[in-house]
């Protein structure tokens, strides 16, 4: 696992904060921004987008992954997520699964309790690596 330098985390955190400023959160008043470093050096970001029916709103991680796919894809290597007070948030379980789908095996996440790997925040996950083994038989 490659550790990120402080300046790299600072860039990701800034991108997450910029994304949070664009969030559409008129119902919860809880804007969220997320950013991730792609293995090729790009930074992708996303924000939450709410909906009056609540259940069909999108988390910031959802829009980040959509942006990643629209920009040609890639493998995520580092990720922070922030709230409207610029405090680090832990992605919900659904979003951890979304991130896992597009992550390097040792992707780093900033969490409220420090930096963790994707495997630490989603242990024994099922994803594309398991399906690859199945279909390669």
C-alpha atoms as a PDB file:
ATOM      1  CA  UNK A   1       0.000   0.000   0.000  1.00  0.00           C
ATOM      2  CA  UNK A   2       1.408   3.383  -1.028  1.00  0.00           C
ATOM      3  CA  UNK A   3       0.949   6.026   1.633  1.00  0.00           C
ATOM      4  CA  UNK A   4      -0.182   9.432   0.435  1.00  0.00           C
ATOM      5  CA  UNK A   5       1.783  12.534   1.232  1.00  0.00           C
ATOM      6  CA  UNK A   6       0.039  15.265   3.222  1.00  0.00           C
ATOM      7  CA  UNK A   7      -0.177  17.502   0.150  1.00  0.00           C
ATOM      8  CA  UNK A   8      -1.989  14.733  -1.748  1.00  0.00           C
ATOM      9  CA  UNK A   9      -4.517  14.313   1.071  1.00  0.00           C
ATOM     10  CA  UNK A  10      -4.863  18.118   1.207  1.00  0.00           C
ATOM     11  CA  UNK A  11      -5.703  18.199  -2.521  1.00  0.00           C
ATOM     12  CA  UNK A  12      -8.275  15.445  -2.128  1.00  0.00           C
ATOM     13  CA  UNK A  13      -9.803  17.099   0.942  1.00  0.00           C
ATOM     14  CA  UNK A  14     -10.046  20.419  -0.945  1.00  0.00           C
ATOM     15  CA  UNK A  15     -11.727  18.707  -3.893  1.00  0.00           C
ATOM     16  CA  UNK A  16     -14.219  17.052  -1.527  1.00  0.00           C
ATOM     17  CA  UNK A  17     -14.972  20.426   0.089  1.00  0.00           C
ATOM     18  CA  UNK A  18     -15.470  22.054  -3.331  1.00  0.00           C
ATOM     19  CA  UNK A  19     -17.859  19.257  -4.300  1.00  0.00           C
ATOM     20  CA  UNK A  20     -19.746  19.663  -1.006  1.00  0.00           C
ATOM     21  CA  UNK A  21     -20.332  23.326  -1.860  1.00  0.00           C
ATOM     22  CA  UNK A  22     -22.215  22.178  -4.988  1.00  0.00           C
ATOM     23  CA  UNK A  23     -24.451  19.690  -3.161  1.00  0.00           C
ATOM     24  CA  UNK A  24     -28.196  19.880  -3.649  1.00  0.00           C
ATOM     25  CA  UNK A  25     -29.509  19.266  -0.124  1.00  0.00           C
ATOM     26  CA  UNK A  26     -32.631  21.428   0.349  1.00  0.00           C
ATOM     27  CA  UNK A  27     -34.441  18.808   2.470  1.00  0.00           C
ATOM     28  CA  UNK A  28     -31.837  17.460   4.868  1.00  0.00           C
ATOM     29  CA  UNK A  29     -29.663  20.589   4.881  1.00  0.00           C
ATOM     30  CA  UNK A  30     -26.767  18.083   5.070  1.00  0.00           C
ATOM     31  CA  UNK A  31     -24.459  18.725   2.100  1.00  0.00           C
ATOM     32  CA  UNK A  32     -21.820  16.089   1.430  1.00  0.00           C
ATOM     33  CA  UNK A  33     -18.826  16.114  -0.887  1.00  0.00           C
ATOM     34  CA  UNK A  34     -16.487  13.304  -1.856  1.00  0.00           C
ATOM     35  CA  UNK A  35     -13.278  13.072  -3.857  1.00  0.00           C
ATOM     36  CA  UNK A  36     -10.992  10.256  -4.884  1.00  0.00           C
ATOM     37  CA  UNK A  37      -7.590   9.809  -6.415  1.00  0.00           C
ATOM     38  CA  UNK A  38      -7.541   7.576  -9.480  1.00  0.00           C
ATOM     39  CA  UNK A  39      -4.500   5.392 -10.101  1.00  0.00           C
ATOM     40  CA  UNK A  40      -3.520   7.523 -13.117  1.00  0.00           C
ATOM     41  CA  UNK A  41      -3.332  10.685 -10.966  1.00  0.00           C
ATOM     42  CA  UNK A  42      -6.738  12.181 -11.795  1.00  0.00           C
ATOM     43  CA  UNK A  43      -9.048  13.403  -9.058  1.00  0.00           C
ATOM     44  CA  UNK A  44     -12.762  12.717  -9.385  1.00  0.00           C
ATOM     45  CA  UNK A  45     -15.414  14.160  -7.106  1.00  0.00           C
ATOM     46  CA  UNK A  46     -19.116  14.118  -6.379  1.00  0.00           C
ATOM     47  CA  UNK A  47     -21.793  15.624  -4.154  1.00  0.00           C
ATOM     48  CA  UNK A  48     -25.112  14.466  -2.772  1.00  0.00           C
ATOM     49  CA  UNK A  49     -28.220  15.288  -4.796  1.00  0.00           C
ATOM     50  CA  UNK A  50     -31.488  15.031  -2.881  1.00  0.00           C
ATOM     51  CA  UNK A  51     -34.996  14.563  -4.195  1.00  0.00           C
ATOM     52  CA  UNK A  52     -38.385  15.493  -2.729  1.00  0.00           C
ATOM     53  CA  UNK A  53     -39.245  11.793  -2.510  1.00  0.00           C
ATOM     54  CA  UNK A  54     -36.162  11.313  -0.272  1.00  0.00           C
ATOM     55  CA  UNK A  55     -35.514   7.680  -1.184  1.00  0.00           C
ATOM     56  CA  UNK A  56     -34.292   8.463  -4.688  1.00  0.00           C
ATOM     57  CA  UNK A  57     -31.619  10.946  -3.645  1.00  0.00           C
ATOM     58  CA  UNK A  58     -28.020  10.244  -4.559  1.00  0.00           C
ATOM     59  CA  UNK A  59     -25.130  10.089  -2.133  1.00  0.00           C
ATOM     60  CA  UNK A  60     -21.933  11.965  -2.941  1.00  0.00           C
ATOM     61  CA  UNK A  61     -20.176   8.656  -3.540  1.00  0.00           C
ATOM     62  CA  UNK A  62     -22.777   7.761  -6.203  1.00  0.00           C
ATOM     63  CA  UNK A  63     -22.092  10.911  -8.170  1.00  0.00           C
ATOM     64  CA  UNK A  64     -18.326  10.415  -7.718  1.00  0.00           C
ATOM     65  CA  UNK A  65     -18.545   6.919  -9.211  1.00  0.00           C
ATOM     66  CA  UNK A  66     -20.739   8.239 -12.043  1.00  0.00           C
ATOM     67  CA  UNK A  67     -18.132  10.912 -12.756  1.00  0.00           C
ATOM     68  CA  UNK A  68     -15.384   8.279 -12.703  1.00  0.00           C
ATOM     69  CA  UNK A  69     -17.213   6.106 -15.231  1.00  0.00           C
ATOM     70  CA  UNK A  70     -18.101   9.085 -17.454  1.00  0.00           C
ATOM     71  CA  UNK A  71     -14.437  10.167 -17.454  1.00  0.00           C
ATOM     72  CA  UNK A  72     -13.279   6.803 -18.774  1.00  0.00           C
ATOM     73  CA  UNK A  73     -13.148   4.733 -15.587  1.00  0.00           C
ATOM     74  CA  UNK A  74     -10.158   3.768 -13.547  1.00  0.00           C
ATOM     75  CA  UNK A  75      -9.200   2.376 -10.176  1.00  0.00           C
ATOM     76  CA  UNK A  76      -9.580   4.484  -7.028  1.00  0.00           C
ATOM     77  CA  UNK A  77      -6.625   4.611  -4.657  1.00  0.00           C
ATOM     78  CA  UNK A  78      -7.584   7.190  -1.996  1.00  0.00           C
ATOM     79  CA  UNK A  79     -10.845   8.748  -0.796  1.00  0.00           C
ATOM     80  CA  UNK A  80     -12.147  11.382   1.636  1.00  0.00           C
ATOM     81  CA  UNK A  81     -15.762  12.437   2.222  1.00  0.00           C
ATOM     82  CA  UNK A  82     -16.835  15.612   4.085  1.00  0.00           C
ATOM     83  CA  UNK A  83     -19.977  17.169   5.521  1.00  0.00           C
ATOM     84  CA  UNK A  84     -21.112  20.791   5.440  1.00  0.00           C
ATOM     85  CA  UNK A  85     -18.758  21.637   8.317  1.00  0.00           C
ATOM     86  CA  UNK A  86     -15.835  20.107   6.423  1.00  0.00           C
ATOM     87  CA  UNK A  87     -15.607  17.206   8.861  1.00  0.00           C
ATOM     88  CA  UNK A  88     -14.604  13.804   7.536  1.00  0.00           C
ATOM     89  CA  UNK A  89     -17.495  11.342   7.186  1.00  0.00           C
ATOM     90  CA  UNK A  90     -17.562   7.568   6.962  1.00  0.00           C
ATOM     91  CA  UNK A  91     -19.408   6.357   3.844  1.00  0.00           C
ATOM     92  CA  UNK A  92     -22.553   4.335   4.518  1.00  0.00           C
ATOM     93  CA  UNK A  93     -22.552   0.615   3.764  1.00  0.00           C
ATOM     94  CA  UNK A  94     -24.112   1.025   0.314  1.00  0.00           C
ATOM     95  CA  UNK A  95     -21.501   3.577  -0.642  1.00  0.00           C
ATOM     96  CA  UNK A  96     -18.665   1.445   0.701  1.00  0.00           C
ATOM     97  CA  UNK A  97     -19.852  -1.257  -1.698  1.00  0.00           C
ATOM     98  CA  UNK A  98     -19.923   1.251  -4.582  1.00  0.00           C
ATOM     99  CA  UNK A  99     -16.391   2.365  -3.736  1.00  0.00           C
ATOM    100  CA  UNK A 100     -15.182  -1.226  -3.379  1.00  0.00           C
ATOM    101  CA  UNK A 101     -16.373  -2.006  -6.910  1.00  0.00           C
ATOM    102  CA  UNK A 102     -13.978   0.591  -8.338  1.00  0.00           C
ATOM    103  CA  UNK A 103     -11.146   0.479  -5.786  1.00  0.00           C
ATOM    104  CA  UNK A 104      -7.628  -0.804  -5.680  1.00  0.00           C
ATOM    105  CA  UNK A 105      -7.348  -3.667  -3.185  1.00  0.00           C
ATOM    106  CA  UNK A 106      -5.610  -1.361  -0.719  1.00  0.00           C
ATOM    107  CA  UNK A 107      -7.504   1.877  -1.401  1.00  0.00           C
ATOM    108  CA  UNK A 108      -7.130   4.312   1.489  1.00  0.00           C
ATOM    109  CA  UNK A 109     -10.088   6.121   3.044  1.00  0.00           C
ATOM    110  CA  UNK A 110      -9.976   9.022   5.443  1.00  0.00           C
ATOM    111  CA  UNK A 111     -12.390   8.164   8.249  1.00  0.00           C
ATOM    112  CA  UNK A 112     -13.331   9.912  11.497  1.00  0.00           C
ATOM    113  CA  UNK A 113     -11.003   7.455  13.268  1.00  0.00           C
ATOM    114  CA  UNK A 114      -8.051   7.856  10.881  1.00  0.00           C
ATOM    115  CA  UNK A 115      -6.922   6.414   7.573  1.00  0.00           C
ATOM    116  CA  UNK A 116      -8.198   2.910   6.829  1.00  0.00           C
ATOM    117  CA  UNK A 117      -8.116   0.580   3.828  1.00  0.00           C
ATOM    118  CA  UNK A 118     -11.246  -0.371   1.930  1.00  0.00           C
ATOM    119  CA  UNK A 119     -10.875  -3.915   3.309  1.00  0.00           C
ATOM    120  CA  UNK A 120     -10.926  -2.574   6.861  1.00  0.00           C
ATOM    121  CA  UNK A 121     -14.137  -0.597   6.321  1.00  0.00           C
ATOM    122  CA  UNK A 122     -15.796  -3.325   4.246  1.00  0.00           C
ATOM    123  CA  UNK A 123     -14.332  -6.631   5.456  1.00  0.00           C
ATOM    124  CA  UNK A 124     -14.936  -9.798   3.467  1.00  0.00           C
ATOM    125  CA  UNK A 125     -16.562  -7.821   0.670  1.00  0.00           C
ATOM    126  CA  UNK A 126     -17.941  -9.444  -2.439  1.00  0.00           C
ATOM    127  CA  UNK A 127     -17.139  -7.727  -5.689  1.00  0.00           C
ATOM    128  CA  UNK A 128     -15.625  -7.916  -9.154  1.00  0.00           C
ATOM    129  CA  UNK A 129     -12.483  -9.726  -7.978  1.00  0.00           C
ATOM    130  CA  UNK A 130     -14.618 -12.653  -6.752  1.00  0.00           C
ATOM    131  CA  UNK A 131     -16.633 -12.715  -9.965  1.00  0.00           C
ATOM    132  CA  UNK A 132     -13.448 -12.634 -12.059  1.00  0.00           C
ATOM    133  CA  UNK A 133     -12.236 -15.781 -10.298  1.00  0.00           C
ATOM    134  CA  UNK A 134     -15.585 -17.463 -10.973  1.00  0.00           C
ATOM    135  CA  UNK A 135     -15.692 -16.605 -14.679  1.00  0.00           C
ATOM    136  CA  UNK A 136     -12.016 -17.379 -15.289  1.00  0.00           C
ATOM    137  CA  UNK A 137     -12.508 -21.055 -14.404  1.00  0.00           C
END
